[in-house]
Amino acid sequence: MVYVNWGRHAFHDGFRSLDALAGAKSEWTWQALPSLDLSQGVEVEGLVAEAKNEVTQVAYGIPTEAGVALFQSATFRPWSPLTLVAGWRVLVHDRDGWVGLFKVGGALTLWSGAELRSRVARNYRRPTLRERWLPFPVANPELRPETSLTTELTLAQRLGQDLEVRVTGYHTLARDMIKTFGIFPAAQTVNIDEAPIWGVEGGLRARIGPYFSLEVSGAWQDVGRYTRQNPSHRVTGSAVFSHAGLTLALSGEWVGGLHMANYGRDPMADVAQLDLHAAYAGFELPIEVYVDARNLTHADNAYVKGYPMPGFSLFGGLRARVW
């Protein structure tokens, strides 16, 4: 497989950039045994980019980057309810040197509809061009890649086709974690030396009759001392009714544990948002009429101090399918 991505970015503050990403990937898979599947491959990638401030006519020297990766994985099914997965990846990059990654996991069917999944993985993420060179002029071209070791355990239960419940516990130890603080364009992107994070998340998805569905998810995390713009808990949900071309969707979000500083300092009020979407597409023509009402309670919400979100807002429109 060969791929090429080209992008041009222009922002109101005068920042302009062009970038081209090209690469090739080759992967081989085969069945070594009836219960063992293997795959391995190689991937090469290169990036060429340029950026300029049109206001001051200052050009940024973005170096050309290239890398090559070798990878291999195995899937083993020693027993019909049990699946084991293991893999590794070695990346050699001209800017960051070499990085070794791995993953080990498994899935076990406990009883009908119930599955226990576990995973341990070392992850790697390079900073994007936006994180290294934007927002102008608060850029950080010296950002280092982020690595993390994640361990997670998930229990999922499905009851027929109408109900699914899952809960996951996890621990992540991130090094040089890439974090952006503030609101663009006056933001700051930095590396955090070491950030251990414990968390639990879960969700419920239900289908009630032929026309109604419900989905609820929640998450809690202990972020340690790095509480700045890093909420500790979040709950989201939606209820949807759909019949004869009519769709009514009520969705909401509650976010708490917000702070504007680390170590739990400068706390902020929780964010609570409730939205309504209504649409009708039961016409003979391929058109849809819709209305969106956001922040139904006109709550005074803000994720960042000094940057309040809009109050009650009402939008409407018409969608038409041309072909």
Protein backbone atom coordinates (compact mmCIF):
# COMPACT_ATOMS: atom_id res chain seq x y z
CA MET A 1 0.00 0.00 0.00
CA VAL A 2 1.27 3.45 -0.97
CA TYR A 3 -0.25 6.64 0.43
CA VAL A 4 0.27 10.38 -0.05
CA ASN A 5 -1.33 13.17 1.99
CA TRP A 6 -1.00 16.85 1.12
CA GLY A 7 -2.25 19.73 3.26
CA ARG A 8 -2.41 23.51 3.15
CA HIS A 9 -3.29 25.48 6.28
CA ALA A 10 -4.12 29.19 6.55
CA PHE A 11 -5.11 30.93 9.80
CA HIS A 12 -6.37 34.43 10.50
CA ASP A 13 -3.27 35.32 12.53
CA GLY A 14 -1.04 35.08 9.45
CA PHE A 15 0.21 31.52 9.80
CA ARG A 16 0.50 29.56 6.53
CA SER A 17 1.83 26.06 6.06
CA LEU A 18 2.21 23.38 3.43
CA ASP A 19 2.99 19.75 4.19
CA ALA A 20 3.26 16.52 2.25
CA LEU A 21 3.35 13.07 3.85
CA ALA A 22 4.22 10.03 1.74
CA GLY A 23 4.76 6.44 2.71
CA ALA A 24 4.48 2.78 1.80
CA LYS A 25 3.40 -0.22 3.84
CA SER A 26 3.72 -3.92 3.11
CA GLU A 27 2.25 -6.63 5.34
CA TRP A 28 2.21 -10.42 5.08
CA THR A 29 -0.25 -12.64 6.95
CA TRP A 30 -0.44 -16.41 7.07
CA GLN A 31 -1.86 -19.22 9.19
CA ALA A 32 1.01 -21.12 10.76
CA LEU A 33 -1.33 -23.51 12.61
CA PRO A 34 -5.11 -23.93 12.68
CA SER A 35 -5.10 -21.95 15.94
CA LEU A 36 -2.22 -19.55 15.17
CA ASP A 37 -2.27 -16.55 12.80
CA LEU A 38 0.91 -14.55 12.15
CA SER A 39 1.56 -11.24 10.44
CA GLN A 40 4.63 -9.13 9.85
CA GLY A 41 5.52 -6.14 7.77
CA VAL A 42 7.50 -3.01 7.11
CA GLU A 43 6.47 0.64 6.71
CA VAL A 44 8.44 3.67 5.52
CA GLU A 45 7.29 7.27 5.78
CA GLY A 46 8.60 10.74 4.98
CA LEU A 47 7.39 14.28 5.71
CA VAL A 48 8.23 17.54 3.96
CA ALA A 49 6.75 20.78 5.28
CA GLU A 50 7.17 24.55 5.26
CA ALA A 51 5.56 27.27 7.36
CA LYS A 52 5.56 31.04 7.22
CA ASN A 53 4.16 34.03 9.09
CA GLU A 54 2.66 36.18 6.33
CA VAL A 55 2.48 39.21 8.63
CA THR A 56 6.19 39.40 9.48
CA GLN A 57 7.37 37.39 6.45
CA VAL A 58 9.32 35.08 8.77
CA ALA A 59 9.75 31.53 7.45
CA TYR A 60 10.08 28.60 9.86
CA GLY A 61 12.76 26.03 9.14
CA ILE A 62 10.85 22.77 9.45
CA PRO A 63 13.31 19.92 8.85
CA THR A 64 12.44 17.02 6.58
CA GLU A 65 11.59 13.88 8.55
CA ALA A 66 11.73 10.18 7.65
CA GLY A 67 11.29 6.89 9.43
CA VAL A 68 11.04 3.14 8.94
CA ALA A 69 9.18 0.61 11.10
CA LEU A 70 9.24 -3.18 11.37
CA PHE A 71 6.35 -4.99 13.05
CA GLN A 72 5.07 -8.47 13.80
CA SER A 73 2.03 -9.87 15.62
CA ALA A 74 0.52 -13.24 16.50
CA THR A 75 -3.03 -14.33 17.35
CA PHE A 76 -3.36 -17.64 19.19
CA ARG A 77 -6.62 -19.46 20.00
CA PRO A 78 -5.64 -22.45 22.17
CA TRP A 79 -9.25 -22.95 23.34
CA SER A 80 -12.45 -21.78 21.68
CA PRO A 81 -13.42 -19.26 24.42
CA LEU A 82 -9.86 -17.86 24.67
CA THR A 83 -7.94 -15.62 22.25
CA LEU A 84 -4.41 -14.36 22.94
CA VAL A 85 -2.65 -11.58 21.02
CA ALA A 86 0.98 -10.42 21.13
CA GLY A 87 3.00 -8.10 18.94
CA TRP A 88 5.97 -5.78 18.67
CA ARG A 89 7.00 -2.80 16.57
CA VAL A 90 10.41 -1.14 16.15
CA LEU A 91 10.52 2.37 14.73
CA VAL A 92 13.70 4.12 13.59
CA HIS A 93 13.26 7.86 13.03
CA ASP A 94 15.86 10.40 11.92
CA ARG A 95 14.70 12.94 14.54
CA ASP A 96 13.81 10.75 17.51
CA GLY A 97 16.12 7.75 17.12
CA TRP A 98 14.68 4.29 17.65
CA VAL A 99 11.65 3.28 19.70
CA GLY A 100 10.50 -0.20 20.70
CA LEU A 101 6.81 -0.89 21.24
CA PHE A 102 4.82 -3.97 22.23
CA LYS A 103 1.33 -5.22 23.00
CA VAL A 104 0.04 -8.27 24.87
CA GLY A 105 -3.63 -9.01 25.37
CA GLY A 106 -6.35 -11.56 25.57
CA ALA A 107 -10.11 -12.11 25.49
CA LEU A 108 -12.00 -14.81 27.38
CA THR A 109 -15.68 -15.67 26.95
CA LEU A 110 -16.97 -16.33 30.47
CA TRP A 111 -20.57 -17.27 29.64
CA SER A 112 -23.13 -16.42 27.01
CA GLY A 113 -22.69 -12.77 26.01
CA ALA A 114 -19.99 -12.06 28.64
CA GLU A 115 -16.38 -11.37 27.73
CA LEU A 116 -13.33 -10.48 29.81
CA ARG A 117 -10.62 -8.55 27.92
CA SER A 118 -7.18 -7.44 29.10
CA ARG A 119 -4.34 -5.56 27.46
CA VAL A 120 -0.86 -4.26 28.24
CA ALA A 121 0.73 -2.01 25.63
CA ARG A 122 3.54 0.48 25.20
CA ASN A 123 2.40 3.37 23.02
CA TYR A 124 4.24 6.13 21.19
CA ARG A 125 3.02 9.41 19.72
CA ARG A 126 5.01 12.03 17.85
CA PRO A 127 3.96 15.68 18.15
CA THR A 128 1.99 16.95 15.17
CA LEU A 129 2.95 19.98 13.08
CA ARG A 130 0.14 21.89 14.77
CA GLU A 131 1.49 21.08 18.23
CA ARG A 132 5.07 21.98 17.27
CA TRP A 133 4.43 25.13 15.25
CA LEU A 134 0.96 26.37 16.28
CA PRO A 135 -0.59 28.40 17.71
CA PHE A 136 1.46 31.33 16.44
CA PRO A 137 3.37 32.84 18.14
CA VAL A 138 3.19 30.42 21.11
CA ALA A 139 4.86 27.45 19.39
CA ASN A 140 7.01 24.67 20.82
CA PRO A 141 9.19 23.11 18.10
CA GLU A 142 11.21 21.34 20.82
CA LEU A 143 8.36 19.03 21.82
CA ARG A 144 9.52 15.48 22.49
CA PRO A 145 7.58 12.34 21.52
CA GLU A 146 5.20 10.94 24.10
CA THR A 147 5.45 7.35 25.35
CA SER A 148 3.09 5.53 27.67
CA LEU A 149 2.56 2.13 29.24
CA THR A 150 -1.12 1.23 29.58
CA THR A 151 -2.71 -1.68 31.42
CA GLU A 152 -6.45 -2.22 31.20
CA LEU A 153 -9.10 -4.77 32.11
CA THR A 154 -12.60 -4.79 30.61
CA LEU A 155 -15.72 -6.78 31.43
CA ALA A 156 -18.52 -6.61 28.85
CA GLN A 157 -21.95 -8.21 28.95
CA ARG A 158 -24.35 -8.38 26.01
CA LEU A 159 -27.95 -9.49 26.50
CA GLY A 160 -29.32 -10.32 23.08
CA GLN A 161 -29.21 -7.49 20.56
CA ASP A 162 -30.87 -4.88 22.78
CA LEU A 163 -28.60 -4.39 25.80
CA GLU A 164 -24.87 -4.08 26.29
CA VAL A 165 -22.99 -3.10 29.47
CA ARG A 166 -19.25 -2.67 29.88
CA VAL A 167 -16.82 -1.47 32.53
CA THR A 168 -13.07 -0.87 32.17
CA GLY A 169 -10.35 -0.19 34.72
CA TYR A 170 -7.00 1.13 33.54
CA HIS A 171 -3.65 2.53 34.57
CA THR A 172 -1.43 4.64 32.30
CA LEU A 173 2.08 5.83 33.00
CA ALA A 174 2.88 8.54 30.45
CA ARG A 175 6.32 10.06 29.93
CA ASP A 176 6.79 13.36 28.12
CA MET A 177 3.00 13.53 27.79
CA ILE A 178 2.00 16.17 25.21
CA LYS A 179 -0.56 18.53 26.71
CA THR A 180 -2.11 21.76 25.40
CA PHE A 181 -3.31 24.38 27.86
CA GLY A 182 -5.48 27.37 27.10
CA ILE A 183 -7.62 28.28 24.10
CA PHE A 184 -6.31 28.71 20.57
CA PRO A 185 -4.70 30.90 19.41
CA ALA A 186 -3.43 31.89 22.89
CA ALA A 187 -2.52 28.37 23.97
CA GLN A 188 0.55 26.56 25.23
CA THR A 189 1.71 23.05 24.30
CA VAL A 190 4.28 21.39 26.56
CA ASN A 191 5.72 18.04 27.62
CA ILE A 192 4.81 16.73 31.08
CA ASP A 193 7.73 14.70 32.41
CA GLU A 194 5.78 11.84 34.02
CA ALA A 195 2.03 11.45 34.60
CA PRO A 196 0.52 8.35 36.23
CA ILE A 197 -3.24 8.10 35.62
CA TRP A 198 -5.70 5.66 37.20
CA GLY A 199 -9.20 5.46 35.85
CA VAL A 200 -12.50 3.63 35.51
CA GLU A 201 -14.96 4.01 32.67
CA GLY A 202 -18.16 2.28 31.73
CA GLY A 203 -21.14 2.44 29.48
CA LEU A 204 -24.61 1.13 28.77
CA ARG A 205 -26.32 0.84 25.41
CA ALA A 206 -29.94 -0.25 25.14
CA ARG A 207 -32.57 -0.62 22.44
CA ILE A 208 -36.10 -0.26 23.84
CA GLY A 209 -38.67 -1.37 21.31
CA PRO A 210 -38.40 -0.60 17.61
CA TYR A 211 -38.18 3.19 17.93
CA PHE A 212 -36.26 4.12 21.09
CA SER A 213 -32.56 3.79 22.02
CA LEU A 214 -30.58 4.89 25.06
CA GLU A 215 -26.86 5.28 25.61
CA VAL A 216 -25.03 6.36 28.79
CA SER A 217 -21.28 6.44 29.49
CA GLY A 218 -19.19 7.68 32.37
CA ALA A 219 -15.54 7.97 33.31
CA TRP A 220 -13.50 8.84 36.39
CA GLN A 221 -9.74 9.31 36.55
CA ASP A 222 -7.13 10.20 39.14
CA VAL A 223 -4.69 12.46 37.31
CA GLY A 224 -2.43 13.09 40.30
CA ARG A 225 -0.94 16.56 40.55
CA TYR A 226 -1.61 17.47 36.88
CA THR A 227 -5.16 18.77 37.39
CA ARG A 228 -4.84 21.82 35.12
CA GLN A 229 -7.57 21.54 32.44
CA ASN A 230 -7.70 17.81 33.16
CA PRO A 231 -11.18 16.96 34.54
CA SER A 232 -11.56 14.03 36.89
CA HIS A 233 -15.03 12.79 35.91
CA ARG A 234 -17.43 12.95 32.98
CA VAL A 235 -20.89 11.55 32.26
CA THR A 236 -22.53 11.66 28.82
CA GLY A 237 -25.83 10.29 27.59
CA SER A 238 -28.32 10.36 24.78
CA ALA A 239 -31.90 9.22 24.19
CA VAL A 240 -33.12 8.86 20.61
CA PHE A 241 -36.62 8.31 19.21
CA SER A 242 -36.88 7.52 15.49
CA HIS A 243 -40.00 6.56 13.51
CA ALA A 244 -41.55 7.32 10.13
CA GLY A 245 -38.92 9.89 9.17
CA LEU A 246 -39.03 11.72 12.51
CA THR A 247 -35.97 11.78 14.77
CA LEU A 248 -35.83 13.31 18.25
CA ALA A 249 -32.52 13.13 20.12
CA LEU A 250 -31.85 14.47 23.60
CA SER A 251 -28.19 14.48 24.63
CA GLY A 252 -26.35 15.74 27.67
CA GLU A 253 -22.93 16.00 29.28
CA TRP A 254 -21.71 16.64 32.80
CA VAL A 255 -18.00 17.32 33.44
CA GLY A 256 -16.55 17.87 36.90
CA GLY A 257 -13.24 18.16 38.67
CA LEU A 258 -12.10 21.11 36.55
CA HIS A 259 -9.15 23.22 37.66
CA MET A 260 -7.11 26.02 36.11
CA ALA A 261 -3.93 25.02 37.96
CA ASN A 262 -2.12 21.87 39.03
CA TYR A 263 -2.29 20.33 42.51
CA GLY A 264 -6.07 20.92 42.60
CA ARG A 265 -5.74 24.71 42.77
CA ASP A 266 -8.08 27.27 41.21
CA PRO A 267 -11.14 25.01 40.90
CA MET A 268 -13.93 25.76 38.43
CA ALA A 269 -17.64 25.05 38.41
CA ASP A 270 -18.88 21.85 36.80
CA VAL A 271 -20.04 21.97 33.19
CA ALA A 272 -23.57 20.71 32.46
CA GLN A 273 -24.94 20.83 28.94
CA LEU A 274 -28.27 19.60 27.55
CA ASP A 275 -29.03 19.65 23.80
CA LEU A 276 -32.00 18.69 21.62
CA HIS A 277 -31.97 17.67 17.96
CA ALA A 278 -35.17 17.26 15.94
CA ALA A 279 -35.35 16.27 12.27
CA TYR A 280 -37.98 15.14 9.79
CA ALA A 281 -37.17 13.39 6.52
CA GLY A 282 -40.51 11.80 5.64
CA PHE A 283 -40.99 13.74 2.43
CA GLU A 284 -41.24 12.32 -1.07
CA LEU A 285 -38.20 14.38 -2.04
CA PRO A 286 -34.73 13.52 -0.56
CA ILE A 287 -34.75 16.42 1.89
CA GLU A 288 -34.60 16.78 5.66
CA VAL A 289 -35.71 19.64 7.88
CA TYR A 290 -33.91 19.93 11.21
CA VAL A 291 -33.77 22.08 14.34
CA ASP A 292 -30.96 22.06 16.92
CA ALA A 293 -31.43 23.59 20.38
CA ARG A 294 -28.21 23.75 22.39
CA ASN A 295 -27.72 24.47 26.08
CA LEU A 296 -31.42 24.13 26.82
CA THR A 297 -31.02 25.26 30.43
CA HIS A 298 -28.99 28.36 29.44
CA ALA A 299 -26.27 27.23 31.85
CA ASP A 300 -23.19 29.40 32.41
CA ASN A 301 -20.59 26.87 31.22
CA ALA A 302 -16.85 27.23 30.73
CA TYR A 303 -14.07 24.65 30.33
CA VAL A 304 -11.43 27.41 30.55
CA LYS A 305 -11.75 30.41 32.84
CA GLY A 306 -12.45 33.59 30.89
CA TYR A 307 -13.79 31.72 27.85
CA PRO A 308 -17.51 31.10 28.51
CA MET A 309 -19.48 28.86 26.18
CA PRO A 310 -22.61 30.16 24.42
CA GLY A 311 -25.88 30.16 26.28
CA PHE A 312 -29.13 28.89 24.79
CA SER A 313 -28.80 28.71 21.00
CA LEU A 314 -31.30 27.70 18.33
CA PHE A 315 -30.37 26.59 14.81
CA GLY A 316 -32.40 25.25 11.93
CA GLY A 317 -31.90 24.23 8.36
CA LEU A 318 -32.68 22.11 5.35
CA ARG A 319 -30.56 19.26 4.01
CA ALA A 320 -30.98 17.99 0.46
CA ARG A 321 -29.36 15.00 -1.21
CA VAL A 322 -28.39 16.00 -4.74
CA TRP A 323 -27.27 12.57 -5.94
